[in-house]
Amino acid sequence: MNNEGLNRTSHVVEDPTQENEAPLRVNVDVLKQRLIEQKRKDKVKRTIILSTLLVSLGALTVLTY
């Protein structure tokens, strides 16, 4: 049985420069603004889909009578 593949995957190379780096800070206000913008876009998409559905239904109703 060959352990070469097992040894290769279990060997972790550590980089000493990564240990000294400070963790990056996250700006919460930016994340909140992105969330608000995403919700606004989703609301516009839902409104467009609902409007299209209602207009299509209305047009079909008018055409059948």
N, C-alpha and C. Protein backbone atom coordinates (compact mmCIF):
# COMPACT_ATOMS: atom_id res chain seq x y z
N MET A 1 0.84 -1.18 0.00
CA MET A 1 0.00 0.00 0.00
C MET A 1 0.89 1.25 0.00
N ASN A 2 0.54 2.24 -0.81
CA ASN A 2 1.36 3.41 -0.98
C ASN A 2 0.81 4.56 -0.14
N ASN A 3 1.60 5.15 0.71
CA ASN A 3 1.18 6.27 1.57
C ASN A 3 1.62 7.62 1.02
N GLU A 4 2.12 7.64 -0.20
CA GLU A 4 2.63 8.89 -0.76
C GLU A 4 1.53 9.94 -0.88
N GLY A 5 0.36 9.53 -1.37
CA GLY A 5 -0.75 10.47 -1.52
C GLY A 5 -1.23 10.98 -0.18
N LEU A 6 -1.29 10.12 0.82
CA LEU A 6 -1.72 10.52 2.15
C LEU A 6 -0.73 11.49 2.77
N ASN A 7 0.54 11.22 2.63
CA ASN A 7 1.56 12.11 3.18
C ASN A 7 1.57 13.46 2.48
N ARG A 8 1.32 13.47 1.20
CA ARG A 8 1.33 14.71 0.44
C ARG A 8 0.17 15.62 0.86
N THR A 9 -1.03 15.05 1.11
CA THR A 9 -2.17 15.87 1.46
C THR A 9 -2.15 16.30 2.92
N SER A 10 -1.50 15.53 3.78
CA SER A 10 -1.48 15.90 5.19
C SER A 10 -0.36 16.87 5.53
N HIS A 11 0.57 17.09 4.61
CA HIS A 11 1.68 18.01 4.85
C HIS A 11 1.19 19.44 4.65
N VAL A 12 1.29 20.24 5.71
CA VAL A 12 0.83 21.63 5.65
C VAL A 12 2.05 22.53 5.67
N VAL A 13 2.12 23.41 4.69
CA VAL A 13 3.23 24.36 4.62
C VAL A 13 2.78 25.63 5.32
N GLU A 14 3.52 26.01 6.34
CA GLU A 14 3.18 27.22 7.07
C GLU A 14 4.02 28.38 6.56
N ASP A 15 3.36 29.51 6.41
CA ASP A 15 4.03 30.72 5.95
C ASP A 15 4.19 31.65 7.15
N PRO A 16 5.41 31.93 7.58
CA PRO A 16 5.59 32.75 8.78
C PRO A 16 5.12 34.19 8.61
N THR A 17 4.99 34.68 7.39
CA THR A 17 4.53 36.05 7.20
C THR A 17 3.04 36.18 7.50
N GLN A 18 2.26 35.12 7.36
CA GLN A 18 0.83 35.19 7.62
C GLN A 18 0.53 35.30 9.10
N GLU A 19 1.41 34.83 9.95
CA GLU A 19 1.18 34.87 11.39
C GLU A 19 1.26 36.29 11.93
N ASN A 20 2.02 37.15 11.30
CA ASN A 20 2.25 38.50 11.80
C ASN A 20 1.23 39.51 11.30
N GLU A 21 0.43 39.15 10.31
CA GLU A 21 -0.52 40.09 9.75
C GLU A 21 -1.69 40.30 10.69
N ALA A 22 -2.13 41.54 10.81
CA ALA A 22 -3.28 41.86 11.65
C ALA A 22 -4.55 41.51 10.86
N PRO A 23 -5.60 41.07 11.53
CA PRO A 23 -6.84 40.76 10.83
C PRO A 23 -7.45 42.03 10.23
N LEU A 24 -8.06 41.88 9.07
CA LEU A 24 -8.68 43.02 8.41
C LEU A 24 -9.94 43.43 9.14
N ARG A 25 -10.17 44.71 9.21
CA ARG A 25 -11.37 45.22 9.88
C ARG A 25 -12.50 45.34 8.87
N VAL A 26 -13.71 45.12 9.35
CA VAL A 26 -14.88 45.20 8.50
C VAL A 26 -15.69 46.42 8.88
N ASN A 27 -16.02 47.22 7.90
CA ASN A 27 -16.84 48.39 8.15
C ASN A 27 -18.30 47.97 8.11
N VAL A 28 -18.96 48.03 9.27
CA VAL A 28 -20.33 47.54 9.39
C VAL A 28 -21.29 48.43 8.61
N ASP A 29 -21.01 49.74 8.57
CA ASP A 29 -21.90 50.66 7.85
C ASP A 29 -21.94 50.33 6.36
N VAL A 30 -20.81 49.94 5.80
CA VAL A 30 -20.76 49.57 4.38
C VAL A 30 -21.59 48.32 4.15
N LEU A 31 -21.47 47.35 5.05
CA LEU A 31 -22.25 46.11 4.90
C LEU A 31 -23.74 46.38 5.03
N LYS A 32 -24.11 47.24 5.95
CA LYS A 32 -25.53 47.59 6.11
C LYS A 32 -26.06 48.28 4.86
N GLN A 33 -25.26 49.18 4.28
CA GLN A 33 -25.68 49.88 3.07
C GLN A 33 -25.84 48.90 1.91
N ARG A 34 -24.93 47.93 1.79
CA ARG A 34 -25.06 46.92 0.73
C ARG A 34 -26.32 46.10 0.92
N LEU A 35 -26.64 45.76 2.18
CA LEU A 35 -27.84 44.99 2.47
C LEU A 35 -29.09 45.77 2.11
N ILE A 36 -29.11 47.06 2.42
CA ILE A 36 -30.25 47.91 2.09
C ILE A 36 -30.42 48.00 0.57
N GLU A 37 -29.32 48.17 -0.14
CA GLU A 37 -29.39 48.26 -1.61
C GLU A 37 -29.88 46.94 -2.21
N GLN A 38 -29.43 45.82 -1.67
CA GLN A 38 -29.86 44.51 -2.18
C GLN A 38 -31.34 44.31 -1.94
N LYS A 39 -31.84 44.71 -0.77
CA LYS A 39 -33.27 44.59 -0.48
C LYS A 39 -34.08 45.47 -1.41
N ARG A 40 -33.57 46.66 -1.70
CA ARG A 40 -34.27 47.57 -2.61
C ARG A 40 -34.35 46.96 -4.01
N LYS A 41 -33.26 46.36 -4.47
CA LYS A 41 -33.25 45.73 -5.79
C LYS A 41 -34.23 44.56 -5.83
N ASP A 42 -34.26 43.77 -4.76
CA ASP A 42 -35.18 42.64 -4.72
C ASP A 42 -36.63 43.11 -4.74
N LYS A 43 -36.91 44.21 -4.04
CA LYS A 43 -38.27 44.76 -4.01
C LYS A 43 -38.69 45.24 -5.39
N VAL A 44 -37.77 45.89 -6.11
CA VAL A 44 -38.07 46.36 -7.47
C VAL A 44 -38.33 45.16 -8.38
N LYS A 45 -37.54 44.10 -8.25
CA LYS A 45 -37.74 42.90 -9.08
C LYS A 45 -39.11 42.29 -8.82
N ARG A 46 -39.48 42.18 -7.54
CA ARG A 46 -40.79 41.60 -7.21
C ARG A 46 -41.92 42.46 -7.75
N THR A 47 -41.76 43.79 -7.66
CA THR A 47 -42.79 44.70 -8.16
C THR A 47 -42.94 44.56 -9.67
N ILE A 48 -41.84 44.47 -10.39
CA ILE A 48 -41.90 44.33 -11.85
C ILE A 48 -42.56 43.01 -12.23
N ILE A 49 -42.19 41.94 -11.56
CA ILE A 49 -42.78 40.63 -11.87
C ILE A 49 -44.27 40.63 -11.59
N LEU A 50 -44.67 41.17 -10.44
CA LEU A 50 -46.09 41.21 -10.09
C LEU A 50 -46.88 42.08 -11.06
N SER A 51 -46.32 43.24 -11.42
CA SER A 51 -46.99 44.12 -12.37
C SER A 51 -47.15 43.45 -13.73
N THR A 52 -46.12 42.77 -14.20
CA THR A 52 -46.18 42.07 -15.47
C THR A 52 -47.25 40.99 -15.44
N LEU A 53 -47.31 40.27 -14.34
CA LEU A 53 -48.30 39.21 -14.20
C LEU A 53 -49.72 39.78 -14.21
N LEU A 54 -49.94 40.87 -13.49
CA LEU A 54 -51.27 41.46 -13.45
C LEU A 54 -51.67 42.05 -14.80
N VAL A 55 -50.75 42.70 -15.48
CA VAL A 55 -51.05 43.26 -16.80
C VAL A 55 -51.35 42.15 -17.79
N SER A 56 -50.60 41.05 -17.74
CA SER A 56 -50.84 39.92 -18.63
C SER A 56 -52.22 39.31 -18.37
N LEU A 57 -52.55 39.14 -17.12
CA LEU A 57 -53.85 38.59 -16.76
C LEU A 57 -54.97 39.50 -17.21
N GLY A 58 -54.78 40.82 -17.03
CA GLY A 58 -55.78 41.78 -17.49
C GLY A 58 -55.94 41.76 -19.00
N ALA A 59 -54.85 41.66 -19.71
CA ALA A 59 -54.90 41.64 -21.18
C ALA A 59 -55.60 40.37 -21.66
N LEU A 60 -55.33 39.24 -21.04
CA LEU A 60 -56.01 38.00 -21.41
C LEU A 60 -57.51 38.07 -21.13
N THR A 61 -57.85 38.71 -20.02
CA THR A 61 -59.27 38.85 -19.68
C THR A 61 -59.98 39.73 -20.69
N VAL A 62 -59.37 40.83 -21.11
CA VAL A 62 -59.96 41.73 -22.08
C VAL A 62 -60.09 41.03 -23.44
N LEU A 63 -59.11 40.25 -23.83
CA LEU A 63 -59.14 39.60 -25.13
C LEU A 63 -60.17 38.48 -25.19
N THR A 64 -60.50 37.88 -24.07
CA THR A 64 -61.47 36.78 -24.10
C THR A 64 -62.89 37.29 -24.18
N TYR A 65 -63.16 38.55 -23.81
CA TYR A 65 -64.55 39.07 -23.88
C TYR A 65 -64.78 39.90 -25.07
